[in-house]
Amino acid sequence: MPSKERENQWMDIVPNVKVRFNNAIKSVYLIAFFIMLITVGALGIWIPPYRFDEIVLFNSESLFTYAGPILAMLLVEFFIQAEKSKLAVIALIVGIIGWGLITYGYIEQPTKASWSTILGTVITLILIFLVQANDNKYDDDIGSDEISSLTGPRSTNTDNIKDK
C-alpha cells in the first residue's frame, strides 16, 4: 500500500497574507479604523506618562489592558465564524503567541516597559490589521440600500421570514 503524500499546505499562506496586506493598505476605511485604534483606542497608553511623572511609556499594564481585549475579540471571531481556513488557524496560533508574550511581560514587569509586552502588542496590531483586511465593511462598493447602520439594512424583506 503506497504511503499518503500530503500537499504542502504552507505554500499558499504567504501569498494570502500578501493579498490581505495589499487589500488593507488600499482601503481608506480600514486605515482610518487602524489609526483610530492606535490613537483613540490606546489613550490609556499615551496619556498617563504625560500626566504622571512616575509612569513609564509603554508600561506592561497599559499594553496588557490594550492588547488583551483585542486578542479576546479576535478569538471570539475565530470561534463564531462558520468556515475556518488555514489562514485563520495560523492567525489563532499567532494570537496565542501574542497573548503569551503580553501576559509574560505583565507578570514579570507590570509597571515597567517590557520587550515581551511591546512585541506582543505589535503582533496584536499586525494581526488585527490583517484579519480585518478582507472584511466587507471596509469596502467602498457596498450600496447604501444594503447597509444603512450598524443595526442592519434600511428595509427588511418579510418574505424571507419563515416563522411569521
C-alpha atoms as a PDB file:
ATOM      1  CA  MET A   1       0.000   0.000   0.000  1.00  0.00           C
ATOM      2  CA  PRO A   2       1.564   3.347  -1.027  1.00  0.00           C
ATOM      3  CA  SER A   3       2.088   5.944   1.657  1.00  0.00           C
ATOM      4  CA  LYS A   4      -0.137   9.005   1.587  1.00  0.00           C
ATOM      5  CA  GLU A   5       1.645  12.128   0.393  1.00  0.00           C
ATOM      6  CA  ARG A   6       0.092  15.342   1.636  1.00  0.00           C
ATOM      7  CA  GLU A   7       0.195  18.515  -0.446  1.00  0.00           C
ATOM      8  CA  ASN A   8       2.267  21.291   1.121  1.00  0.00           C
ATOM      9  CA  GLN A   9      -0.340  23.457   2.835  1.00  0.00           C
ATOM     10  CA  TRP A  10       2.141  26.189   3.752  1.00  0.00           C
ATOM     11  CA  MET A  11       2.738  27.302   0.181  1.00  0.00           C
ATOM     12  CA  ASP A  12      -0.418  29.424  -0.084  1.00  0.00           C
ATOM     13  CA  ILE A  13      -0.054  31.132   3.325  1.00  0.00           C
ATOM     14  CA  VAL A  14       2.472  33.799   2.245  1.00  0.00           C
ATOM     15  CA  PRO A  15       0.585  34.780  -0.962  1.00  0.00           C
ATOM     16  CA  ASN A  16      -2.663  35.038   1.040  1.00  0.00           C
ATOM     17  CA  VAL A  17      -1.011  37.279   3.634  1.00  0.00           C
ATOM     18  CA  LYS A  18       0.381  39.476   0.824  1.00  0.00           C
ATOM     19  CA  VAL A  19      -3.091  39.796  -0.725  1.00  0.00           C
ATOM     20  CA  ARG A  20      -4.600  40.681   2.652  1.00  0.00           C
ATOM     21  CA  PHE A  21      -1.906  43.281   3.302  1.00  0.00           C
ATOM     22  CA  ASN A  22      -2.466  44.825  -0.147  1.00  0.00           C
ATOM     23  CA  ASN A  23      -6.233  44.867   0.454  1.00  0.00           C
ATOM     24  CA  ALA A  24      -5.676  46.514   3.829  1.00  0.00           C
ATOM     25  CA  ILE A  25      -3.464  49.334   2.591  1.00  0.00           C
ATOM     26  CA  LYS A  26      -5.838  50.038  -0.329  1.00  0.00           C
ATOM     27  CA  SER A  27      -8.806  50.645   1.986  1.00  0.00           C
ATOM     28  CA  VAL A  28      -9.180  54.195   3.262  1.00  0.00           C
ATOM     29  CA  TYR A  29     -11.776  52.985   5.771  1.00  0.00           C
ATOM     30  CA  LEU A  30      -9.537  50.281   7.214  1.00  0.00           C
ATOM     31  CA  ILE A  31      -6.584  52.665   7.504  1.00  0.00           C
ATOM     32  CA  ALA A  32      -8.848  55.166   9.288  1.00  0.00           C
ATOM     33  CA  PHE A  33     -10.067  52.393  11.639  1.00  0.00           C
ATOM     34  CA  PHE A  34      -6.484  51.345  12.337  1.00  0.00           C
ATOM     35  CA  ILE A  35      -5.344  54.922  13.053  1.00  0.00           C
ATOM     36  CA  MET A  36      -8.275  55.344  15.462  1.00  0.00           C
ATOM     37  CA  LEU A  37      -7.425  52.002  17.082  1.00  0.00           C
ATOM     38  CA  ILE A  38      -3.872  53.183  17.741  1.00  0.00           C
ATOM     39  CA  THR A  39      -4.642  56.760  18.772  1.00  0.00           C
ATOM     40  CA  VAL A  40      -8.033  56.882  20.466  1.00  0.00           C
ATOM     41  CA  GLY A  41      -8.176  53.202  21.403  1.00  0.00           C
ATOM     42  CA  ALA A  42      -4.809  53.433  23.120  1.00  0.00           C
ATOM     43  CA  LEU A  43      -5.359  56.592  25.153  1.00  0.00           C
ATOM     44  CA  GLY A  44      -4.564  54.600  28.282  1.00  0.00           C
ATOM     45  CA  ILE A  45      -1.073  54.090  26.883  1.00  0.00           C
ATOM     46  CA  TRP A  46      -0.427  57.647  25.683  1.00  0.00           C
ATOM     47  CA  ILE A  47      -1.936  59.849  28.413  1.00  0.00           C
ATOM     48  CA  PRO A  48      -0.601  58.513  31.778  1.00  0.00           C
ATOM     49  CA  PRO A  49       3.110  59.105  31.060  1.00  0.00           C
ATOM     50  CA  TYR A  50       2.388  62.745  30.258  1.00  0.00           C
ATOM     51  CA  ARG A  51       0.119  63.250  33.247  1.00  0.00           C
ATOM     52  CA  PHE A  52       2.142  61.478  35.923  1.00  0.00           C
ATOM     53  CA  ASP A  53       5.927  61.618  36.082  1.00  0.00           C
ATOM     54  CA  GLU A  54       6.446  58.160  37.586  1.00  0.00           C
ATOM     55  CA  ILE A  55       4.555  56.233  34.895  1.00  0.00           C
ATOM     56  CA  VAL A  56       6.609  54.763  32.052  1.00  0.00           C
ATOM     57  CA  LEU A  57       5.528  54.976  28.420  1.00  0.00           C
ATOM     58  CA  PHE A  58       4.544  51.529  27.125  1.00  0.00           C
ATOM     59  CA  ASN A  59       4.341  50.012  30.590  1.00  0.00           C
ATOM     60  CA  SER A  60       3.249  46.397  30.626  1.00  0.00           C
ATOM     61  CA  GLU A  61       0.000  47.040  32.490  1.00  0.00           C
ATOM     62  CA  SER A  62      -1.239  49.523  29.863  1.00  0.00           C
ATOM     63  CA  LEU A  63      -0.207  47.306  26.961  1.00  0.00           C
ATOM     64  CA  PHE A  64      -1.790  44.247  28.603  1.00  0.00           C
ATOM     65  CA  THR A  65      -5.129  46.015  29.053  1.00  0.00           C
ATOM     66  CA  TYR A  66      -4.937  47.329  25.478  1.00  0.00           C
ATOM     67  CA  ALA A  67      -3.840  44.247  23.517  1.00  0.00           C
ATOM     68  CA  GLY A  68      -5.641  41.663  25.674  1.00  0.00           C
ATOM     69  CA  PRO A  69      -9.194  42.715  24.724  1.00  0.00           C
ATOM     70  CA  ILE A  70      -8.245  42.994  21.050  1.00  0.00           C
ATOM     71  CA  LEU A  71      -6.928  39.436  21.093  1.00  0.00           C
ATOM     72  CA  ALA A  72     -10.004  38.255  23.010  1.00  0.00           C
ATOM     73  CA  MET A  73     -12.251  39.812  20.350  1.00  0.00           C
ATOM     74  CA  LEU A  74     -10.264  38.092  17.586  1.00  0.00           C
ATOM     75  CA  LEU A  75     -10.548  34.787  19.453  1.00  0.00           C
ATOM     76  CA  VAL A  76     -14.333  35.142  19.677  1.00  0.00           C
ATOM     77  CA  GLU A  77     -14.479  35.975  15.955  1.00  0.00           C
ATOM     78  CA  PHE A  78     -12.461  32.832  15.212  1.00  0.00           C
ATOM     79  CA  PHE A  79     -14.880  30.592  17.097  1.00  0.00           C
ATOM     80  CA  ILE A  80     -18.075  32.098  15.675  1.00  0.00           C
ATOM     81  CA  GLN A  81     -17.021  32.126  12.018  1.00  0.00           C
ATOM     82  CA  ALA A  82     -18.642  29.346  10.029  1.00  0.00           C
ATOM     83  CA  GLU A  83     -15.691  28.229   7.926  1.00  0.00           C
ATOM     84  CA  LYS A  84     -12.202  28.055   9.339  1.00  0.00           C
ATOM     85  CA  SER A  85      -9.438  28.489   6.791  1.00  0.00           C
ATOM     86  CA  LYS A  86      -5.777  27.578   7.148  1.00  0.00           C
ATOM     87  CA  LEU A  87      -5.022  31.272   7.426  1.00  0.00           C
ATOM     88  CA  ALA A  88      -7.494  31.618  10.324  1.00  0.00           C
ATOM     89  CA  VAL A  89      -5.778  28.757  12.164  1.00  0.00           C
ATOM     90  CA  ILE A  90      -2.379  30.421  11.638  1.00  0.00           C
ATOM     91  CA  ALA A  91      -3.864  33.694  12.938  1.00  0.00           C
ATOM     92  CA  LEU A  92      -5.133  31.825  16.006  1.00  0.00           C
ATOM     93  CA  ILE A  93      -1.650  30.447  16.686  1.00  0.00           C
ATOM     94  CA  VAL A  94      -0.038  33.872  16.199  1.00  0.00           C
ATOM     95  CA  GLY A  95      -2.669  35.402  18.503  1.00  0.00           C
ATOM     96  CA  ILE A  96      -1.938  32.848  21.205  1.00  0.00           C
ATOM     97  CA  ILE A  97       1.784  33.655  20.906  1.00  0.00           C
ATOM     98  CA  GLY A  98       0.977  37.378  21.211  1.00  0.00           C
ATOM     99  CA  TRP A  99      -1.251  36.688  24.226  1.00  0.00           C
ATOM    100  CA  GLY A 100       1.543  34.680  25.845  1.00  0.00           C
ATOM    101  CA  LEU A 101       4.047  37.482  25.288  1.00  0.00           C
ATOM    102  CA  ILE A 102       1.874  40.228  26.758  1.00  0.00           C
ATOM    103  CA  THR A 103       0.909  38.006  29.700  1.00  0.00           C
ATOM    104  CA  TYR A 104       4.538  37.092  30.401  1.00  0.00           C
ATOM    105  CA  GLY A 105       5.629  40.744  30.273  1.00  0.00           C
ATOM    106  CA  TYR A 106       2.773  41.812  32.528  1.00  0.00           C
ATOM    107  CA  ILE A 107       3.571  39.144  35.114  1.00  0.00           C
ATOM    108  CA  GLU A 108       7.315  39.913  35.078  1.00  0.00           C
ATOM    109  CA  GLN A 109       7.199  43.737  34.988  1.00  0.00           C
ATOM    110  CA  PRO A 110       3.686  45.156  35.432  1.00  0.00           C
ATOM    111  CA  THR A 111       4.726  48.798  35.926  1.00  0.00           C
ATOM    112  CA  LYS A 112       7.743  48.949  33.615  1.00  0.00           C
ATOM    113  CA  ALA A 113       8.231  48.647  29.890  1.00  0.00           C
ATOM    114  CA  SER A 114       8.839  45.057  28.820  1.00  0.00           C
ATOM    115  CA  TRP A 115      10.138  43.811  25.480  1.00  0.00           C
ATOM    116  CA  SER A 116       7.614  40.963  25.530  1.00  0.00           C
ATOM    117  CA  THR A 117       4.538  43.151  26.043  1.00  0.00           C
ATOM    118  CA  ILE A 118       5.730  45.558  23.349  1.00  0.00           C
ATOM    119  CA  LEU A 119       6.362  42.664  20.941  1.00  0.00           C
ATOM    120  CA  GLY A 120       3.022  41.056  21.855  1.00  0.00           C
ATOM    121  CA  THR A 121       1.222  44.346  21.212  1.00  0.00           C
ATOM    122  CA  VAL A 122       2.939  44.793  17.835  1.00  0.00           C
ATOM    123  CA  ILE A 123       1.926  41.231  16.917  1.00  0.00           C
ATOM    124  CA  THR A 124      -1.639  42.039  18.004  1.00  0.00           C
ATOM    125  CA  LEU A 125      -1.804  45.173  15.858  1.00  0.00           C
ATOM    126  CA  ILE A 126      -0.413  43.400  12.794  1.00  0.00           C
ATOM    127  CA  LEU A 127      -2.845  40.548  13.368  1.00  0.00           C
ATOM    128  CA  ILE A 128      -5.949  42.735  13.637  1.00  0.00           C
ATOM    129  CA  PHE A 129      -4.804  44.711  10.589  1.00  0.00           C
ATOM    130  CA  LEU A 130      -4.539  41.537   8.506  1.00  0.00           C
ATOM    131  CA  VAL A 131      -7.667  39.880   9.942  1.00  0.00           C
ATOM    132  CA  GLN A 132      -9.820  42.933   9.212  1.00  0.00           C
ATOM    133  CA  ALA A 133      -8.335  43.433   5.717  1.00  0.00           C
ATOM    134  CA  ASN A 134     -10.918  41.401   3.789  1.00  0.00           C
ATOM    135  CA  ASP A 135     -13.962  42.464   5.797  1.00  0.00           C
ATOM    136  CA  ASN A 136     -16.690  43.845   3.513  1.00  0.00           C
ATOM    137  CA  LYS A 137     -17.474  46.717   5.869  1.00  0.00           C
ATOM    138  CA  TYR A 138     -14.275  48.434   4.687  1.00  0.00           C
ATOM    139  CA  ASP A 139     -15.225  48.224   1.019  1.00  0.00           C
ATOM    140  CA  ASP A 140     -16.358  51.290  -0.871  1.00  0.00           C
ATOM    141  CA  ASP A 141     -18.720  49.397  -3.170  1.00  0.00           C
ATOM    142  CA  ILE A 142     -21.415  48.489  -0.641  1.00  0.00           C
ATOM    143  CA  GLY A 143     -24.651  50.052  -1.770  1.00  0.00           C
ATOM    144  CA  SER A 144     -26.496  52.403   0.558  1.00  0.00           C
ATOM    145  CA  ASP A 145     -29.550  50.117   0.449  1.00  0.00           C
ATOM    146  CA  GLU A 146     -27.543  47.101   1.650  1.00  0.00           C
ATOM    147  CA  ILE A 147     -26.279  48.563   4.913  1.00  0.00           C
ATOM    148  CA  SER A 148     -27.712  51.677   6.458  1.00  0.00           C
ATOM    149  CA  SER A 149     -26.451  51.364  10.001  1.00  0.00           C
ATOM    150  CA  LEU A 150     -24.782  49.070  12.477  1.00  0.00           C
ATOM    151  CA  THR A 151     -28.176  47.541  13.258  1.00  0.00           C
ATOM    152  CA  GLY A 152     -28.841  46.227   9.764  1.00  0.00           C
ATOM    153  CA  PRO A 153     -30.434  47.028   6.427  1.00  0.00           C
ATOM    154  CA  ARG A 154     -32.647  50.018   5.820  1.00  0.00           C
ATOM    155  CA  SER A 155     -35.622  47.814   4.943  1.00  0.00           C
ATOM    156  CA  THR A 156     -36.475  44.193   5.600  1.00  0.00           C
ATOM    157  CA  ASN A 157     -37.795  41.683   3.097  1.00  0.00           C
ATOM    158  CA  THR A 158     -40.542  39.958   5.099  1.00  0.00           C
ATOM    159  CA  ASP A 159     -40.830  37.192   2.507  1.00  0.00           C
ATOM    160  CA  ASN A 160     -37.620  35.699   3.913  1.00  0.00           C
ATOM    161  CA  ILE A 161     -39.074  35.344   7.420  1.00  0.00           C
ATOM    162  CA  LYS A 162     -40.060  31.706   7.907  1.00  0.00           C
ATOM    163  CA  ASP A 163     -41.866  31.855  11.278  1.00  0.00           C
ATOM    164  CA  LYS A 164     -44.381  34.654  10.641  1.00  0.00           C
END
